[in-house]
Protein backbone atom coordinates (compact mmCIF):
# COMPACT_ATOMS: atom_id res chain seq x y z
CA MET A 1 -141.89 84.68 -13.33
CA THR A 2 -139.43 87.32 -13.30
CA LEU A 3 -140.60 90.19 -13.78
CA ALA A 4 -136.93 92.01 -13.84
CA VAL A 5 -135.24 93.72 -16.36
CA SER A 6 -132.17 94.20 -17.58
CA LEU A 7 -131.55 96.97 -20.14
CA ALA A 8 -128.74 99.34 -21.76
CA LEU A 9 -131.08 103.26 -20.90
CA ALA A 10 -127.97 105.51 -22.60
CA THR A 11 -124.82 104.01 -24.78
CA THR A 12 -122.84 107.48 -25.63
CA LEU A 13 -119.38 108.66 -26.96
CA LEU A 14 -117.87 111.96 -25.49
CA ALA A 15 -114.61 112.88 -27.11
CA SER A 16 -112.82 113.52 -24.18
CA PRO A 17 -110.62 110.66 -22.09
CA LYS A 18 -110.60 113.71 -19.21
CA LEU A 19 -114.46 113.90 -19.31
CA ALA A 20 -114.66 110.23 -19.17
CA HIS A 21 -112.90 109.95 -16.24
CA THR A 22 -114.66 112.79 -14.03
CA ARG A 23 -117.66 111.15 -14.56
CA GLU A 24 -116.11 107.84 -12.83
CA SER A 25 -115.13 110.16 -9.81
CA GLU A 26 -118.30 111.35 -9.15
CA GLY A 27 -120.65 108.47 -7.17
CA GLY A 28 -119.74 108.74 -3.84
CA GLY A 29 -122.37 107.92 -0.47
CA PHE A 30 -123.60 104.71 -2.65
CA PRO A 31 -123.84 101.55 0.08
CA ALA A 32 -121.93 99.83 -2.21
CA THR A 33 -118.40 99.55 -4.63
CA ILE A 34 -118.10 98.24 -8.48
CA ARG A 35 -115.07 97.17 -9.98
CA VAL A 36 -114.96 95.69 -14.18
CA MET A 37 -113.71 91.71 -12.64
CA PRO A 38 -111.08 90.69 -15.15
CA GLY A 39 -111.90 87.70 -18.16
CA ALA A 40 -114.17 86.38 -20.07
CA PRO A 41 -117.12 86.61 -20.15
CA ALA A 42 -117.13 90.16 -19.79
CA ARG A 43 -118.42 91.42 -16.03
CA VAL A 44 -118.98 93.71 -13.54
CA GLU A 45 -118.90 93.00 -9.48
CA LEU A 46 -121.23 94.89 -7.55
CA THR A 47 -120.41 94.53 -3.78
CA ASN A 48 -123.16 95.67 -0.81
CA THR A 49 -121.32 97.63 1.83
CA GLY A 50 -124.98 98.57 3.08
CA THR A 51 -126.77 98.03 5.39
CA GLN A 52 -130.16 97.05 3.08
CA PRO A 53 -130.34 94.53 -0.03
CA ILE A 54 -130.27 96.60 -3.26
CA THR A 55 -132.76 96.20 -5.09
CA ALA A 56 -132.40 97.44 -8.57
CA TRP A 57 -128.91 99.57 -9.72
CA SER A 58 -127.84 100.98 -12.91
CA PHE A 59 -124.04 101.45 -13.69
CA THR A 60 -122.31 103.07 -16.81
CA VAL A 61 -118.58 100.98 -18.66
CA SER A 62 -116.67 103.27 -19.88
CA THR A 63 -114.17 102.07 -22.44
CA PRO A 64 -111.88 104.46 -24.21
CA GLY A 65 -111.06 103.92 -27.84
CA ALA A 66 -109.68 105.99 -30.78
CA THR A 67 -112.80 108.17 -31.16
CA GLY A 68 -113.63 108.61 -27.67
CA VAL A 69 -115.02 107.40 -24.77
CA HIS A 70 -117.80 104.37 -25.09
CA HIS A 71 -120.43 104.74 -22.43
CA GLU A 72 -122.82 101.58 -22.22
CA THR A 73 -125.63 101.58 -19.26
CA HIS A 74 -127.15 99.24 -17.10
CA THR A 75 -130.07 99.24 -14.99
CA ALA A 76 -131.30 96.48 -13.97
CA ASP A 77 -134.76 95.70 -11.18
CA VAL A 78 -134.89 92.86 -9.25
CA TYR A 79 -137.62 93.64 -6.29
CA LEU A 80 -139.73 90.78 -6.99
CA SER A 81 -136.48 88.75 -7.03
CA GLU A 82 -138.06 88.36 -3.04
CA VAL A 83 -140.79 86.06 -4.21
CA THR A 84 -139.33 84.76 -7.39
CA GLY A 85 -135.90 84.24 -6.42
CA GLN A 86 -136.51 80.68 -6.29
CA LEU A 87 -138.36 79.72 -8.96
CA PRO A 88 -137.16 77.33 -11.93
CA GLY A 89 -135.00 78.87 -13.67
CA ALA A 90 -134.58 82.27 -12.57
CA GLU A 91 -131.61 84.12 -13.33
CA PRO A 92 -128.74 84.87 -10.23
CA HIS A 93 -127.98 87.76 -11.65
CA LEU A 94 -131.33 88.92 -11.21
CA ASP A 95 -131.47 88.99 -7.46
CA ARG A 96 -131.51 91.25 -4.39
CA ILE A 97 -128.13 91.85 -2.97
CA MET A 98 -127.94 91.21 0.15
CA PRO A 99 -125.78 93.52 2.50
CA GLY A 100 -122.86 92.63 2.28
CA GLN A 101 -122.91 90.30 -1.08
CA SER A 102 -120.76 90.50 -3.76
CA ARG A 103 -123.17 89.88 -7.25
CA ALA A 104 -121.12 89.24 -10.86
CA LEU A 105 -122.84 91.34 -13.11
CA PRO A 106 -122.37 90.64 -17.23
CA ILE A 107 -121.87 93.08 -19.57
CA ASP A 108 -121.36 93.93 -23.42
CA ALA A 109 -117.84 93.85 -23.36
CA ALA A 110 -114.18 95.87 -21.14
CA SER A 111 -111.15 96.58 -22.38
CA ALA A 112 -108.54 96.05 -19.74
CA ASP A 113 -108.38 99.96 -19.39
CA ALA A 114 -112.33 99.99 -19.06
CA GLY A 115 -113.32 101.88 -16.09
CA VAL A 116 -117.22 101.71 -14.01
CA HIS A 117 -119.43 103.71 -11.88
CA ILE A 118 -122.71 103.23 -10.14
CA THR A 119 -125.23 105.50 -11.60
CA ALA A 120 -128.35 105.02 -9.13
CA LEU A 121 -129.32 102.38 -6.43
CA VAL A 122 -132.97 101.61 -4.80
CA LEU A 123 -132.63 100.15 -1.46
CA GLN A 124 -135.22 97.82 0.46
CA ASP A 125 -137.17 100.24 1.95
CA GLY A 126 -137.41 102.78 -1.02
CA THR A 127 -134.50 104.85 -0.44
CA GLY A 128 -133.44 106.27 -4.41
CA LEU A 129 -129.90 107.22 -4.48
CA GLY A 130 -127.96 109.30 -7.53
CA ASP A 131 -129.37 110.06 -10.56
CA ALA A 132 -132.39 110.68 -10.61
CA ALA A 133 -133.83 110.43 -14.30
CA VAL A 134 -133.12 106.43 -13.81
CA LEU A 135 -134.38 106.47 -10.78
CA ASN A 136 -137.84 107.74 -12.12
CA ALA A 137 -137.59 105.46 -14.40
CA LEU A 138 -137.42 102.88 -12.31
CA PHE A 139 -140.43 103.54 -9.78
CA THR A 140 -142.61 104.78 -12.51
CA HIS A 141 -141.91 100.39 -13.77
CA ARG A 142 -142.50 99.51 -10.61
CA ALA A 143 -146.53 101.39 -10.37
CA ALA A 144 -147.03 100.37 -13.86
CA GLU A 145 -146.23 96.64 -12.79
CA ARG A 146 -148.55 97.01 -9.64
CA ASP A 147 -151.22 98.26 -10.90
CA GLN A 148 -150.81 94.94 -13.90
CA LEU A 149 -150.24 92.69 -11.24
CA ARG A 150 -153.20 93.87 -9.16
CA ALA A 151 -155.44 93.82 -12.06
CA VAL A 152 -154.63 89.94 -13.32
CA ALA A 153 -154.57 89.04 -9.52
CA GLU A 154 -158.62 90.38 -9.35
CA THR A 155 -159.30 88.08 -12.24
CA PHE A 156 -157.48 85.16 -10.44
CA ARG A 157 -159.75 86.25 -7.33
CA THR A 158 -162.85 86.35 -8.95
CA VAL A 159 -163.40 83.96 -11.14
CA LEU A 160 -161.98 81.20 -8.77
CA ALA A 161 -164.40 82.30 -6.64
CA ALA A 162 -167.16 81.59 -8.20
CA LYS A 163 -165.93 78.45 -10.68
CA ARG A 164 -163.70 75.63 -9.83
CA GLY A 165 -161.30 73.42 -12.57
CA THR A 166 -162.50 73.06 -16.32
CA ALA A 167 -165.01 75.94 -16.13
CA ALA A 168 -162.63 78.51 -13.95
CA LEU A 169 -159.87 77.32 -16.53
CA ALA A 170 -161.63 78.82 -19.35
CA GLU A 171 -163.01 81.66 -17.65
CA LEU A 172 -160.00 82.57 -17.23
CA GLN A 173 -158.92 82.19 -20.11
CA HIS A 174 -161.59 84.21 -21.57
CA GLN A 175 -160.74 87.11 -19.54
CA LEU A 176 -157.64 87.18 -20.25
CA GLN A 177 -157.23 86.92 -24.28
CA SER A 178 -160.46 89.88 -23.73
CA ASP A 179 -159.94 93.22 -25.57
CA GLY A 180 -157.47 95.26 -22.85
CA GLU A 181 -154.42 96.59 -21.82
CA ASP A 182 -151.98 93.83 -22.13
CA SER A 183 -149.17 93.26 -19.72
CA VAL A 184 -145.90 91.00 -18.64
CA PRO A 185 -147.77 89.58 -15.93
CA ARG A 186 -151.22 89.57 -18.52
CA ARG A 187 -149.15 86.90 -20.96
CA THR A 188 -147.63 85.35 -18.18
CA ALA A 189 -150.57 84.42 -16.22
CA ARG A 190 -152.33 83.43 -19.63
CA ASP A 191 -149.49 81.47 -20.96
CA ALA A 192 -150.42 78.89 -17.37
CA VAL A 193 -153.52 79.08 -17.60
CA ASP A 194 -153.57 77.42 -21.48
CA VAL A 195 -151.41 75.18 -20.32
CA LEU A 196 -153.77 74.37 -17.32
CA LEU A 197 -156.47 74.49 -19.22
CA ARG A 198 -155.02 71.80 -21.94
CA LYS A 199 -154.27 69.69 -18.76
CA ALA A 200 -157.81 69.55 -16.91
CA GLN A 201 -158.87 68.97 -20.40
CA ALA A 202 -156.36 65.69 -20.47
CA GLY A 203 -158.37 64.44 -17.75
CA SER A 204 -156.27 65.86 -14.72
CA GLU A 205 -158.85 68.59 -14.30
CA GLU A 206 -158.87 68.13 -10.23
CA GLU A 207 -154.54 69.01 -10.54
CA ALA A 208 -154.89 71.52 -12.56
CA ASP A 209 -157.30 73.02 -10.12
CA ARG A 210 -155.25 72.52 -7.12
CA SER A 211 -152.27 74.40 -9.08
CA VAL A 212 -154.00 77.39 -10.49
CA ARG A 213 -155.38 78.15 -6.97
CA LYS A 214 -151.34 78.01 -5.81
CA TYR A 215 -150.74 79.75 -8.70
CA ALA A 216 -153.15 82.46 -8.46
CA GLU A 217 -151.24 82.75 -4.40
CA PHE A 218 -147.84 83.55 -6.44
CA VAL A 219 -149.51 86.60 -8.18
CA SER A 220 -151.04 87.94 -5.15
CA ARG A 221 -147.81 87.75 -3.37
CA GLN A 222 -145.72 89.58 -6.51
CA TYR A 223 -148.50 91.37 -6.31
CA ASP A 224 -148.47 92.73 -2.45
CA ALA A 225 -144.51 93.36 -2.93
CA ALA A 226 -145.36 95.54 -5.68
CA ALA A 227 -147.59 97.46 -4.10
CA ALA A 228 -144.90 97.32 -0.99
CA HIS A 229 -142.05 98.69 -3.34
CA ALA A 230 -144.01 101.08 -5.98
CA GLN A 231 -143.62 104.32 -3.74
CA ARG A 232 -140.14 105.72 -3.74
CA LYS A 233 -138.63 107.03 0.13
CA GLN A 234 -139.03 110.50 1.15
């Protein structure tokens, strides 16, 4: 399960290309460099020049046009990739950027005269650098994700301590489908339990039981990572 997000946080038009250039000159002090990569598909290259992994980033691509400069901001929070990064289907660009490593990140479009600057970064130890609003949004999301994962992990722990096999999976299905706040961790867990319950009902009960206990351990590892990264370093 990959909970990492990549979303456009801001798209604005500025009437003056000169103003856009002034914004691009800001952002010194980041332990990273960024550039627009030539060719197609459109990408930027973010390079970690620091000593810690980068666990979240936000950058803005600025493209001059006939009516002004178009600003497209991309933000991704990938701290959970330390747990989920090796899963089948994990997206390589949504992984932590290790010291000395460069990462090609997809963007919507970039003309030959487009520029790019870093808006915010979060490092492995919780250090947040850059735009305060972006950092607040990132850590608010992390705290919510931590609480959601804790609730799912507790559901698995309680049910699997009392039941096994088909009975455990049926109870998990019931609890994960019951009324309450829905979330990505909950929906992902519910989908996994549904698959394993069908497997158990088809005659592979012991194998399904082993699989759901491994999945529960995986959710617990995600919760541990979320708890470790939810607090911004002061």
